[in-house]
N, C-alpha and C. Protein backbone atom coordinates (compact mmCIF):
# COMPACT_ATOMS: atom_id res chain seq x y z
N MET A 1 4.01 8.36 11.55
CA MET A 1 2.98 9.10 12.25
C MET A 1 1.59 8.52 11.96
N LEU A 2 1.17 8.49 10.68
CA LEU A 2 -0.13 7.93 10.33
C LEU A 2 0.04 6.63 9.56
N SER A 3 -0.70 5.63 9.95
CA SER A 3 -0.69 4.37 9.22
C SER A 3 -1.55 4.51 7.96
N ALA A 4 -1.47 3.51 7.12
CA ALA A 4 -2.35 3.48 5.95
C ALA A 4 -3.80 3.41 6.43
N PRO A 5 -4.67 4.23 5.88
CA PRO A 5 -6.08 4.15 6.27
C PRO A 5 -6.68 2.82 5.85
N LEU A 6 -7.50 2.25 6.73
CA LEU A 6 -8.13 0.98 6.43
C LEU A 6 -9.51 0.92 7.08
N HIS A 7 -10.53 0.76 6.28
CA HIS A 7 -11.91 0.63 6.77
C HIS A 7 -12.31 1.78 7.69
N GLY A 8 -11.91 2.99 7.34
CA GLY A 8 -12.30 4.16 8.12
C GLY A 8 -11.48 4.42 9.37
N TRP A 9 -10.34 3.77 9.49
CA TRP A 9 -9.48 3.97 10.65
C TRP A 9 -8.04 4.18 10.21
N THR A 10 -7.31 4.95 11.00
CA THR A 10 -5.87 5.09 10.84
C THR A 10 -5.28 5.15 12.25
N THR A 11 -4.03 4.80 12.36
CA THR A 11 -3.35 4.87 13.66
C THR A 11 -2.38 6.03 13.64
N LEU A 12 -2.53 6.92 14.60
CA LEU A 12 -1.56 7.99 14.81
C LEU A 12 -0.56 7.49 15.84
N SER A 13 0.71 7.44 15.46
CA SER A 13 1.79 7.05 16.37
C SER A 13 2.74 8.23 16.49
N LEU A 14 2.87 8.75 17.69
CA LEU A 14 3.71 9.93 17.89
C LEU A 14 4.17 9.98 19.33
N GLY A 15 5.46 10.13 19.52
CA GLY A 15 6.00 10.29 20.87
C GLY A 15 5.70 9.13 21.80
N GLY A 16 5.67 7.92 21.27
CA GLY A 16 5.39 6.75 22.09
C GLY A 16 3.91 6.53 22.37
N GLN A 17 3.06 7.37 21.83
CA GLN A 17 1.61 7.23 22.00
C GLN A 17 1.00 6.72 20.71
N GLU A 18 -0.06 5.95 20.82
CA GLU A 18 -0.80 5.49 19.65
C GLU A 18 -2.29 5.71 19.86
N TYR A 19 -2.94 6.20 18.82
CA TYR A 19 -4.38 6.46 18.87
C TYR A 19 -5.00 5.94 17.59
N GLU A 20 -6.11 5.20 17.72
CA GLU A 20 -6.88 4.74 16.58
C GLU A 20 -7.91 5.83 16.26
N VAL A 21 -7.75 6.47 15.12
CA VAL A 21 -8.55 7.64 14.76
C VAL A 21 -9.56 7.25 13.69
N SER A 22 -10.81 7.68 13.85
CA SER A 22 -11.87 7.28 12.93
C SER A 22 -12.10 8.29 11.82
N TYR A 23 -12.88 7.84 10.83
CA TYR A 23 -13.22 8.63 9.65
C TYR A 23 -14.13 9.82 9.95
N LEU A 24 -14.62 9.95 11.17
CA LEU A 24 -15.53 11.05 11.47
C LEU A 24 -14.87 12.41 11.33
N VAL A 25 -13.55 12.41 11.24
CA VAL A 25 -12.78 13.62 10.93
C VAL A 25 -12.13 13.38 9.57
N ASP A 26 -12.27 14.32 8.67
CA ASP A 26 -11.67 14.18 7.33
C ASP A 26 -10.19 14.57 7.43
N ILE A 27 -9.41 13.67 7.98
CA ILE A 27 -8.01 13.92 8.35
C ILE A 27 -7.19 14.57 7.24
N PRO A 28 -7.14 14.04 6.03
CA PRO A 28 -6.21 14.64 5.08
C PRO A 28 -6.51 16.11 4.81
N PHE A 29 -7.76 16.47 4.74
CA PHE A 29 -8.09 17.86 4.45
C PHE A 29 -7.99 18.74 5.70
N GLU A 30 -8.62 18.33 6.77
CA GLU A 30 -8.63 19.18 7.97
C GLU A 30 -7.24 19.36 8.54
N TRP A 31 -6.44 18.30 8.58
CA TRP A 31 -5.11 18.40 9.18
C TRP A 31 -4.13 19.14 8.28
N LEU A 32 -4.21 18.91 6.96
CA LEU A 32 -3.33 19.67 6.05
C LEU A 32 -3.67 21.15 6.07
N ILE A 33 -4.94 21.48 6.08
CA ILE A 33 -5.34 22.90 6.16
C ILE A 33 -4.80 23.52 7.45
N ALA A 34 -4.90 22.79 8.56
CA ALA A 34 -4.38 23.31 9.84
C ALA A 34 -2.88 23.56 9.76
N CYS A 35 -2.14 22.62 9.17
CA CYS A 35 -0.68 22.79 9.05
C CYS A 35 -0.34 23.95 8.12
N LYS A 36 -0.98 24.00 6.98
CA LYS A 36 -0.71 25.08 6.02
C LYS A 36 -0.98 26.44 6.65
N THR A 37 -2.10 26.56 7.34
CA THR A 37 -2.46 27.83 7.98
C THR A 37 -1.47 28.18 9.08
N ALA A 38 -1.10 27.20 9.89
CA ALA A 38 -0.15 27.44 10.98
C ALA A 38 1.20 27.92 10.45
N LEU A 39 1.70 27.25 9.43
CA LEU A 39 3.00 27.62 8.88
C LEU A 39 2.95 28.97 8.17
N THR A 40 1.86 29.26 7.50
CA THR A 40 1.73 30.52 6.77
C THR A 40 1.64 31.71 7.71
N HIS A 41 0.93 31.53 8.83
CA HIS A 41 0.66 32.66 9.74
C HIS A 41 1.43 32.59 11.06
N ASN A 42 2.34 31.60 11.16
CA ASN A 42 3.15 31.43 12.38
C ASN A 42 2.27 31.34 13.63
N ILE A 43 1.32 30.43 13.58
CA ILE A 43 0.43 30.16 14.69
C ILE A 43 0.43 28.65 14.96
N PRO A 44 -0.05 28.20 16.11
CA PRO A 44 -0.11 26.76 16.37
C PRO A 44 -1.07 26.04 15.42
N ALA A 45 -0.73 24.80 15.13
CA ALA A 45 -1.65 23.92 14.40
C ALA A 45 -2.37 23.07 15.42
N SER A 46 -3.66 22.89 15.24
CA SER A 46 -4.44 22.05 16.15
C SER A 46 -5.32 21.12 15.34
N PHE A 47 -5.38 19.85 15.77
CA PHE A 47 -6.19 18.84 15.11
C PHE A 47 -7.10 18.19 16.14
N PHE A 48 -8.28 17.83 15.69
CA PHE A 48 -9.20 17.05 16.50
C PHE A 48 -9.11 15.61 16.04
N MET A 49 -9.13 14.68 16.98
CA MET A 49 -9.12 13.25 16.66
C MET A 49 -10.31 12.58 17.33
N GLU A 50 -11.15 11.97 16.53
CA GLU A 50 -12.30 11.22 17.03
C GLU A 50 -11.86 9.77 17.22
N LEU A 51 -12.03 9.27 18.45
CA LEU A 51 -11.60 7.91 18.77
C LEU A 51 -12.78 7.00 19.12
N GLU A 52 -13.98 7.34 18.64
CA GLU A 52 -15.17 6.55 18.93
C GLU A 52 -15.41 6.44 20.44
N GLY A 53 -15.91 7.49 20.99
CA GLY A 53 -16.21 7.50 22.43
C GLY A 53 -15.16 8.22 23.24
N GLU A 54 -14.01 8.35 22.71
CA GLU A 54 -12.94 9.15 23.31
C GLU A 54 -12.53 10.16 22.25
N HIS A 55 -11.79 11.17 22.68
CA HIS A 55 -11.29 12.11 21.69
C HIS A 55 -9.98 12.72 22.16
N CYS A 56 -9.28 13.30 21.21
CA CYS A 56 -8.01 13.94 21.48
C CYS A 56 -7.94 15.26 20.73
N LEU A 57 -7.18 16.15 21.29
CA LEU A 57 -6.77 17.36 20.59
C LEU A 57 -5.26 17.32 20.50
N LEU A 58 -4.74 17.58 19.34
CA LEU A 58 -3.31 17.66 19.15
C LEU A 58 -3.00 19.09 18.76
N THR A 59 -2.05 19.70 19.44
CA THR A 59 -1.64 21.05 19.08
C THR A 59 -0.12 21.11 19.03
N SER A 60 0.38 21.81 18.05
CA SER A 60 1.82 21.86 17.83
C SER A 60 2.23 23.27 17.48
N TYR A 61 3.40 23.68 18.01
CA TYR A 61 3.89 25.01 17.67
C TYR A 61 5.40 24.99 17.58
N GLN A 62 6.07 25.91 18.22
CA GLN A 62 7.49 26.13 17.97
C GLN A 62 8.41 25.05 18.49
N SER A 63 8.19 24.52 19.66
CA SER A 63 9.19 23.59 20.20
C SER A 63 8.62 22.24 20.61
N ALA A 64 7.31 22.07 20.53
CA ALA A 64 6.73 20.81 21.02
C ALA A 64 5.35 20.59 20.42
N THR A 65 4.91 19.36 20.58
CA THR A 65 3.55 18.97 20.22
C THR A 65 2.90 18.41 21.48
N HIS A 66 1.65 18.77 21.69
CA HIS A 66 0.91 18.33 22.87
C HIS A 66 -0.33 17.58 22.41
N ILE A 67 -0.58 16.44 23.03
CA ILE A 67 -1.79 15.67 22.77
C ILE A 67 -2.59 15.63 24.06
N ILE A 68 -3.81 16.13 24.00
CA ILE A 68 -4.71 16.11 25.14
C ILE A 68 -5.75 15.03 24.86
N HIS A 69 -5.73 13.99 25.66
CA HIS A 69 -6.60 12.83 25.45
C HIS A 69 -7.69 12.82 26.51
N CYS A 70 -8.93 12.66 26.08
CA CYS A 70 -10.06 12.54 26.98
C CYS A 70 -10.63 11.13 26.82
N ASP A 71 -10.60 10.34 27.90
CA ASP A 71 -11.04 8.96 27.80
C ASP A 71 -12.55 8.84 28.01
N HIS A 72 -13.04 7.60 28.07
CA HIS A 72 -14.47 7.33 28.21
C HIS A 72 -15.06 7.89 29.49
N GLU A 73 -14.24 8.09 30.50
CA GLU A 73 -14.73 8.60 31.78
C GLU A 73 -14.45 10.07 31.97
N ASP A 74 -14.18 10.77 30.88
CA ASP A 74 -13.87 12.21 30.87
C ASP A 74 -12.64 12.56 31.70
N VAL A 75 -11.69 11.65 31.75
CA VAL A 75 -10.40 11.92 32.41
C VAL A 75 -9.44 12.40 31.32
N TYR A 76 -8.83 13.55 31.56
CA TYR A 76 -7.92 14.15 30.58
C TYR A 76 -6.48 13.83 30.94
N THR A 77 -5.70 13.52 29.90
CA THR A 77 -4.27 13.26 30.05
C THR A 77 -3.53 14.09 29.02
N LEU A 78 -2.43 14.71 29.44
CA LEU A 78 -1.60 15.50 28.54
C LEU A 78 -0.32 14.74 28.23
N HIS A 79 -0.01 14.58 26.96
CA HIS A 79 1.25 14.00 26.51
C HIS A 79 1.98 15.08 25.72
N THR A 80 3.22 15.35 26.09
CA THR A 80 4.02 16.35 25.39
C THR A 80 5.16 15.65 24.67
N ILE A 81 5.33 15.97 23.40
CA ILE A 81 6.40 15.44 22.59
C ILE A 81 7.34 16.61 22.30
N GLU A 82 8.46 16.64 23.00
CA GLU A 82 9.37 17.78 22.96
C GLU A 82 10.08 17.95 21.62
N ASP A 83 10.37 16.88 20.93
CA ASP A 83 11.21 16.98 19.74
C ASP A 83 10.43 17.08 18.43
N VAL A 84 9.13 17.34 18.50
CA VAL A 84 8.31 17.47 17.30
C VAL A 84 7.59 18.82 17.35
N ASP A 85 8.03 19.74 16.49
CA ASP A 85 7.37 21.04 16.39
C ASP A 85 6.41 21.03 15.20
N VAL A 86 5.77 22.15 14.94
CA VAL A 86 4.76 22.21 13.89
C VAL A 86 5.38 21.94 12.51
N LEU A 87 6.61 22.35 12.30
CA LEU A 87 7.26 22.11 11.01
C LEU A 87 7.51 20.60 10.82
N ALA A 88 8.05 19.95 11.83
CA ALA A 88 8.30 18.51 11.74
C ALA A 88 6.98 17.74 11.59
N LEU A 89 5.98 18.14 12.34
CA LEU A 89 4.67 17.49 12.26
C LEU A 89 4.09 17.63 10.85
N SER A 90 4.21 18.81 10.27
CA SER A 90 3.70 19.07 8.93
C SER A 90 4.43 18.21 7.90
N ARG A 91 5.74 18.10 8.04
CA ARG A 91 6.52 17.25 7.12
C ARG A 91 6.04 15.80 7.19
N MET A 92 5.85 15.29 8.42
CA MET A 92 5.40 13.91 8.59
C MET A 92 4.02 13.70 7.98
N LEU A 93 3.13 14.66 8.19
CA LEU A 93 1.77 14.54 7.67
C LEU A 93 1.78 14.50 6.14
N VAL A 94 2.51 15.42 5.52
CA VAL A 94 2.59 15.44 4.06
C VAL A 94 3.18 14.12 3.55
N HIS A 95 4.23 13.66 4.19
CA HIS A 95 4.87 12.40 3.78
C HIS A 95 3.87 11.24 3.85
N ASP A 96 3.15 11.12 4.96
CA ASP A 96 2.25 9.99 5.15
C ASP A 96 1.04 10.04 4.23
N ILE A 97 0.53 11.23 3.95
CA ILE A 97 -0.60 11.33 3.04
C ILE A 97 -0.15 11.01 1.61
N ARG A 98 1.04 11.46 1.24
CA ARG A 98 1.57 11.10 -0.09
C ARG A 98 1.82 9.59 -0.19
N ALA A 99 2.32 8.99 0.87
CA ALA A 99 2.64 7.56 0.86
C ALA A 99 1.40 6.69 0.64
N TYR A 100 0.27 7.14 1.15
CA TYR A 100 -0.98 6.38 1.04
C TYR A 100 -2.05 7.22 0.33
N PHE A 101 -1.63 7.91 -0.71
CA PHE A 101 -2.49 8.90 -1.36
C PHE A 101 -3.84 8.33 -1.77
N ASP A 102 -3.84 7.22 -2.50
CA ASP A 102 -5.12 6.67 -2.98
C ASP A 102 -6.05 6.30 -1.83
N GLU A 103 -5.49 5.76 -0.76
CA GLU A 103 -6.31 5.41 0.41
C GLU A 103 -6.90 6.67 1.05
N TRP A 104 -6.12 7.75 1.09
CA TRP A 104 -6.63 8.99 1.69
C TRP A 104 -7.69 9.65 0.80
N VAL A 105 -7.57 9.50 -0.51
CA VAL A 105 -8.61 10.02 -1.39
C VAL A 105 -9.94 9.35 -1.06
N LYS A 106 -9.91 8.05 -0.77
CA LYS A 106 -11.13 7.28 -0.48
C LYS A 106 -11.50 7.27 1.00
N TRP A 107 -10.77 7.98 1.82
CA TRP A 107 -10.91 7.96 3.28
C TRP A 107 -12.31 8.31 3.77
N TYR A 108 -12.90 9.34 3.22
CA TYR A 108 -14.13 9.91 3.78
C TYR A 108 -15.34 9.20 3.20
N PRO A 109 -16.07 8.42 3.99
CA PRO A 109 -17.14 7.57 3.44
C PRO A 109 -18.37 8.35 2.98
N PHE A 110 -18.42 9.64 3.26
CA PHE A 110 -19.59 10.43 2.86
C PHE A 110 -19.44 10.96 1.43
N GLU A 111 -18.29 10.68 0.82
CA GLU A 111 -18.04 11.11 -0.55
C GLU A 111 -17.49 9.91 -1.32
N GLU A 112 -18.39 9.15 -1.95
CA GLU A 112 -17.97 7.90 -2.58
C GLU A 112 -18.28 7.78 -4.06
N THR A 113 -18.98 8.76 -4.64
CA THR A 113 -19.28 8.66 -6.06
C THR A 113 -18.00 8.91 -6.86
N ASP A 114 -18.03 8.52 -8.13
CA ASP A 114 -16.87 8.77 -8.99
C ASP A 114 -16.54 10.25 -9.04
N GLU A 115 -17.58 11.09 -9.12
CA GLU A 115 -17.36 12.53 -9.16
C GLU A 115 -16.72 13.03 -7.86
N ASP A 116 -17.19 12.48 -6.73
CA ASP A 116 -16.60 12.85 -5.44
C ASP A 116 -15.11 12.51 -5.41
N LEU A 117 -14.77 11.31 -5.86
CA LEU A 117 -13.38 10.87 -5.80
C LEU A 117 -12.48 11.67 -6.74
N ILE A 118 -13.01 12.02 -7.91
CA ILE A 118 -12.24 12.87 -8.84
C ILE A 118 -11.99 14.23 -8.19
N ARG A 119 -13.03 14.80 -7.60
CA ARG A 119 -12.89 16.10 -6.94
C ARG A 119 -11.93 16.03 -5.76
N ARG A 120 -12.07 14.98 -4.93
CA ARG A 120 -11.18 14.82 -3.76
C ARG A 120 -9.73 14.64 -4.19
N ARG A 121 -9.51 13.85 -5.24
CA ARG A 121 -8.14 13.62 -5.73
C ARG A 121 -7.51 14.96 -6.15
N ALA A 122 -8.24 15.75 -6.93
CA ALA A 122 -7.70 17.03 -7.39
C ALA A 122 -7.48 17.98 -6.21
N ALA A 123 -8.44 18.05 -5.31
CA ALA A 123 -8.32 18.97 -4.16
C ALA A 123 -7.19 18.54 -3.23
N LEU A 124 -7.04 17.24 -3.02
CA LEU A 124 -5.97 16.77 -2.14
C LEU A 124 -4.60 16.99 -2.77
N THR A 125 -4.50 16.80 -4.06
CA THR A 125 -3.25 17.07 -4.78
C THR A 125 -2.85 18.54 -4.60
N THR A 126 -3.82 19.43 -4.78
CA THR A 126 -3.56 20.87 -4.62
C THR A 126 -3.18 21.20 -3.19
N LEU A 127 -3.90 20.66 -2.24
CA LEU A 127 -3.64 20.96 -0.83
C LEU A 127 -2.27 20.43 -0.39
N LEU A 128 -1.88 19.27 -0.87
CA LEU A 128 -0.54 18.75 -0.57
C LEU A 128 0.53 19.68 -1.12
N ALA A 129 0.35 20.16 -2.33
CA ALA A 129 1.32 21.09 -2.93
C ALA A 129 1.39 22.40 -2.16
N GLU A 130 0.24 22.92 -1.76
CA GLU A 130 0.21 24.18 -0.99
C GLU A 130 0.86 24.00 0.38
N THR A 131 0.61 22.88 1.02
CA THR A 131 1.21 22.61 2.33
C THR A 131 2.72 22.42 2.19
N ALA A 132 3.15 21.71 1.16
CA ALA A 132 4.58 21.55 0.92
C ALA A 132 5.25 22.90 0.67
N ALA A 133 4.59 23.78 -0.06
CA ALA A 133 5.12 25.13 -0.29
C ALA A 133 5.21 25.91 1.02
N ALA A 134 4.22 25.76 1.89
CA ALA A 134 4.24 26.44 3.20
C ALA A 134 5.39 25.89 4.05
N ILE A 135 5.66 24.59 3.95
CA ILE A 135 6.79 23.99 4.68
C ILE A 135 8.10 24.59 4.17
N THR A 136 8.26 24.66 2.86
CA THR A 136 9.48 25.23 2.28
C THR A 136 9.67 26.68 2.71
N ALA A 137 8.61 27.46 2.69
CA ALA A 137 8.69 28.87 3.09
C ALA A 137 9.05 28.99 4.57
N ALA A 138 8.47 28.14 5.42
CA ALA A 138 8.77 28.16 6.86
C ALA A 138 10.23 27.76 7.11
N GLU A 139 10.71 26.77 6.36
CA GLU A 139 12.11 26.36 6.50
C GLU A 139 13.04 27.52 6.12
N GLU A 140 12.69 28.22 5.06
CA GLU A 140 13.49 29.36 4.61
C GLU A 140 13.51 30.48 5.66
N ARG A 141 12.38 30.73 6.28
CA ARG A 141 12.32 31.77 7.33
C ARG A 141 13.18 31.38 8.53
N ARG A 142 13.29 30.09 8.81
CA ARG A 142 14.08 29.62 9.96
C ARG A 142 15.58 29.61 9.68
N ARG A 143 15.94 29.55 8.40
CA ARG A 143 17.35 29.48 8.03
C ARG A 143 18.03 30.80 8.39
N PRO A 144 19.20 30.74 9.04
CA PRO A 144 19.90 31.98 9.33
C PRO A 144 20.35 32.65 8.03
N HIS A 145 20.16 33.92 7.97
CA HIS A 145 20.57 34.70 6.78
C HIS A 145 21.69 35.64 7.20
N PRO A 146 22.72 35.76 6.37
CA PRO A 146 23.81 36.67 6.72
C PRO A 146 23.33 38.11 6.74
N PRO A 147 23.91 38.91 7.63
CA PRO A 147 23.51 40.34 7.66
C PRO A 147 23.87 41.03 6.35
N GLN A 148 23.08 41.97 5.97
CA GLN A 148 23.32 42.69 4.71
C GLN A 148 24.00 44.00 4.94
């Protein structure tokens, strides 16, 4: 889903679509918070993606994920990914942020001091754990339970 961050950019690849997303959105924090909140409250998760002159909104819920892309000429295109729901999207996001953890800690160029990086590392570690716990709880709610 997300490539390793490099020089303020990452590539979102989902459902045959690819978007180069810039650092103007603090992806690891904003997107994990959206997933955690969505899973905790059973609501859609929505993310904003800044593409330098273009932008996208990604929203995901029970049975699909939708990407609304607005190009340079303000033409909107909808892409629907039927086999990726909010739970699957959240799993992918947690996986990708863990896979490139150090790069995501350094992702946001507005926080570059040693103190900033120590704080971001601790906060991102906590947020990943909270999001993983929300994923586990959502999976448990979806599991069929025998009648009592």
